[in-house]
Amino acid sequence: MTFLLDTYIALVSLVFLAILGLISGVAVPGLFMAAAAPWLDWILPGRKKKSG
Protein backbone atom coordinates (compact mmCIF):
# COMPACT_ATOMS: atom_id res chain seq x y z
CA MET A 1 0.00 0.00 0.00
CA THR A 2 2.81 2.41 0.80
CA PHE A 3 4.38 1.62 -2.57
CA LEU A 4 1.23 2.82 -4.35
CA LEU A 5 1.12 5.96 -2.23
CA ASP A 6 4.78 6.69 -2.92
CA THR A 7 4.24 6.16 -6.64
CA TYR A 8 1.22 8.46 -6.61
CA ILE A 9 3.14 11.18 -4.76
CA ALA A 10 6.03 10.88 -7.22
CA LEU A 11 3.66 11.19 -10.19
CA VAL A 12 1.96 14.24 -8.71
CA SER A 13 5.36 15.81 -8.12
CA LEU A 14 6.44 15.09 -11.69
CA VAL A 15 3.26 16.63 -13.08
CA PHE A 16 3.77 19.71 -10.91
CA LEU A 17 7.38 20.04 -12.04
CA ALA A 18 6.34 19.61 -15.67
CA ILE A 19 3.83 22.44 -15.32
CA LEU A 20 6.46 24.66 -13.70
CA GLY A 21 8.92 23.78 -16.45
CA LEU A 22 6.41 24.63 -19.13
CA ILE A 23 5.60 27.97 -17.54
CA SER A 24 9.24 28.89 -17.00
CA GLY A 25 10.16 27.71 -20.49
CA VAL A 26 7.71 30.23 -21.91
CA ALA A 27 7.93 33.07 -19.39
CA VAL A 28 11.69 33.38 -18.82
CA PRO A 29 12.69 33.62 -22.51
CA GLY A 30 9.83 36.07 -22.98
CA LEU A 31 11.26 38.30 -20.27
CA PHE A 32 14.70 38.16 -21.87
CA MET A 33 13.27 38.95 -25.29
CA ALA A 34 11.37 41.93 -23.87
CA ALA A 35 14.62 43.25 -22.41
CA ALA A 36 16.64 42.49 -25.56
CA ALA A 37 14.10 43.77 -28.11
CA PRO A 38 15.44 47.34 -28.33
CA TRP A 39 18.98 46.05 -28.82
CA LEU A 40 17.88 43.54 -31.42
CA ASP A 41 16.04 46.27 -33.29
CA TRP A 42 19.20 48.36 -33.26
CA ILE A 43 21.43 45.48 -34.39
CA LEU A 44 19.01 43.94 -36.89
CA PRO A 45 16.65 46.68 -38.06
CA GLY A 46 13.43 45.63 -39.70
CA ARG A 47 13.26 45.47 -43.46
CA LYS A 48 11.97 48.59 -45.15
CA LYS A 49 9.06 48.19 -47.49
CA LYS A 50 9.76 48.90 -51.14
CA SER A 51 7.46 51.52 -52.53
CA GLY A 52 6.15 50.89 -56.01
C-alpha atoms as a PDB file:
ATOM      1  CA  MET A   1       0.000   0.000   0.000  1.00  0.00           C
ATOM      2  CA  THR A   2       2.809   2.408   0.804  1.00  0.00           C
ATOM      3  CA  PHE A   3       4.383   1.623  -2.574  1.00  0.00           C
ATOM      4  CA  LEU A   4       1.228   2.816  -4.346  1.00  0.00           C
ATOM      5  CA  LEU A   5       1.117   5.956  -2.229  1.00  0.00           C
ATOM      6  CA  ASP A   6       4.784   6.690  -2.916  1.00  0.00           C
ATOM      7  CA  THR A   7       4.237   6.159  -6.638  1.00  0.00           C
ATOM      8  CA  TYR A   8       1.216   8.461  -6.606  1.00  0.00           C
ATOM      9  CA  ILE A   9       3.141  11.182  -4.764  1.00  0.00           C
ATOM     10  CA  ALA A  10       6.025  10.882  -7.216  1.00  0.00           C
ATOM     11  CA  LEU A  11       3.656  11.185 -10.190  1.00  0.00           C
ATOM     12  CA  VAL A  12       1.960  14.238  -8.713  1.00  0.00           C
ATOM     13  CA  SER A  13       5.362  15.812  -8.122  1.00  0.00           C
ATOM     14  CA  LEU A  14       6.442  15.093 -11.689  1.00  0.00           C
ATOM     15  CA  VAL A  15       3.261  16.634 -13.083  1.00  0.00           C
ATOM     16  CA  PHE A  16       3.768  19.709 -10.907  1.00  0.00           C
ATOM     17  CA  LEU A  17       7.382  20.044 -12.039  1.00  0.00           C
ATOM     18  CA  ALA A  18       6.343  19.608 -15.667  1.00  0.00           C
ATOM     19  CA  ILE A  19       3.834  22.441 -15.323  1.00  0.00           C
ATOM     20  CA  LEU A  20       6.457  24.660 -13.701  1.00  0.00           C
ATOM     21  CA  GLY A  21       8.925  23.781 -16.449  1.00  0.00           C
ATOM     22  CA  LEU A  22       6.409  24.628 -19.135  1.00  0.00           C
ATOM     23  CA  ILE A  23       5.603  27.966 -17.540  1.00  0.00           C
ATOM     24  CA  SER A  24       9.243  28.891 -16.999  1.00  0.00           C
ATOM     25  CA  GLY A  25      10.157  27.712 -20.487  1.00  0.00           C
ATOM     26  CA  VAL A  26       7.707  30.233 -21.913  1.00  0.00           C
ATOM     27  CA  ALA A  27       7.930  33.073 -19.388  1.00  0.00           C
ATOM     28  CA  VAL A  28      11.688  33.375 -18.824  1.00  0.00           C
ATOM     29  CA  PRO A  29      12.692  33.616 -22.514  1.00  0.00           C
ATOM     30  CA  GLY A  30       9.830  36.070 -22.983  1.00  0.00           C
ATOM     31  CA  LEU A  31      11.262  38.304 -20.267  1.00  0.00           C
ATOM     32  CA  PHE A  32      14.699  38.164 -21.868  1.00  0.00           C
ATOM     33  CA  MET A  33      13.271  38.947 -25.289  1.00  0.00           C
ATOM     34  CA  ALA A  34      11.369  41.929 -23.873  1.00  0.00           C
ATOM     35  CA  ALA A  35      14.621  43.248 -22.409  1.00  0.00           C
ATOM     36  CA  ALA A  36      16.641  42.490 -25.563  1.00  0.00           C
ATOM     37  CA  ALA A  37      14.096  43.767 -28.108  1.00  0.00           C
ATOM     38  CA  PRO A  38      15.443  47.338 -28.326  1.00  0.00           C
ATOM     39  CA  TRP A  39      18.985  46.048 -28.819  1.00  0.00           C
ATOM     40  CA  LEU A  40      17.878  43.536 -31.419  1.00  0.00           C
ATOM     41  CA  ASP A  41      16.037  46.271 -33.285  1.00  0.00           C
ATOM     42  CA  TRP A  42      19.201  48.359 -33.261  1.00  0.00           C
ATOM     43  CA  ILE A  43      21.429  45.481 -34.391  1.00  0.00           C
ATOM     44  CA  LEU A  44      19.012  43.941 -36.890  1.00  0.00           C
ATOM     45  CA  PRO A  45      16.650  46.678 -38.063  1.00  0.00           C
ATOM     46  CA  GLY A  46      13.434  45.629 -39.704  1.00  0.00           C
ATOM     47  CA  ARG A  47      13.256  45.473 -43.465  1.00  0.00           C
ATOM     48  CA  LYS A  48      11.967  48.586 -45.146  1.00  0.00           C
ATOM     49  CA  LYS A  49       9.057  48.191 -47.492  1.00  0.00           C
ATOM     50  CA  LYS A  50       9.763  48.902 -51.139  1.00  0.00           C
ATOM     51  CA  SER A  51       7.460  51.520 -52.533  1.00  0.00           C
ATOM     52  CA  GLY A  52       6.149  50.894 -56.006  1.00  0.00           C
END
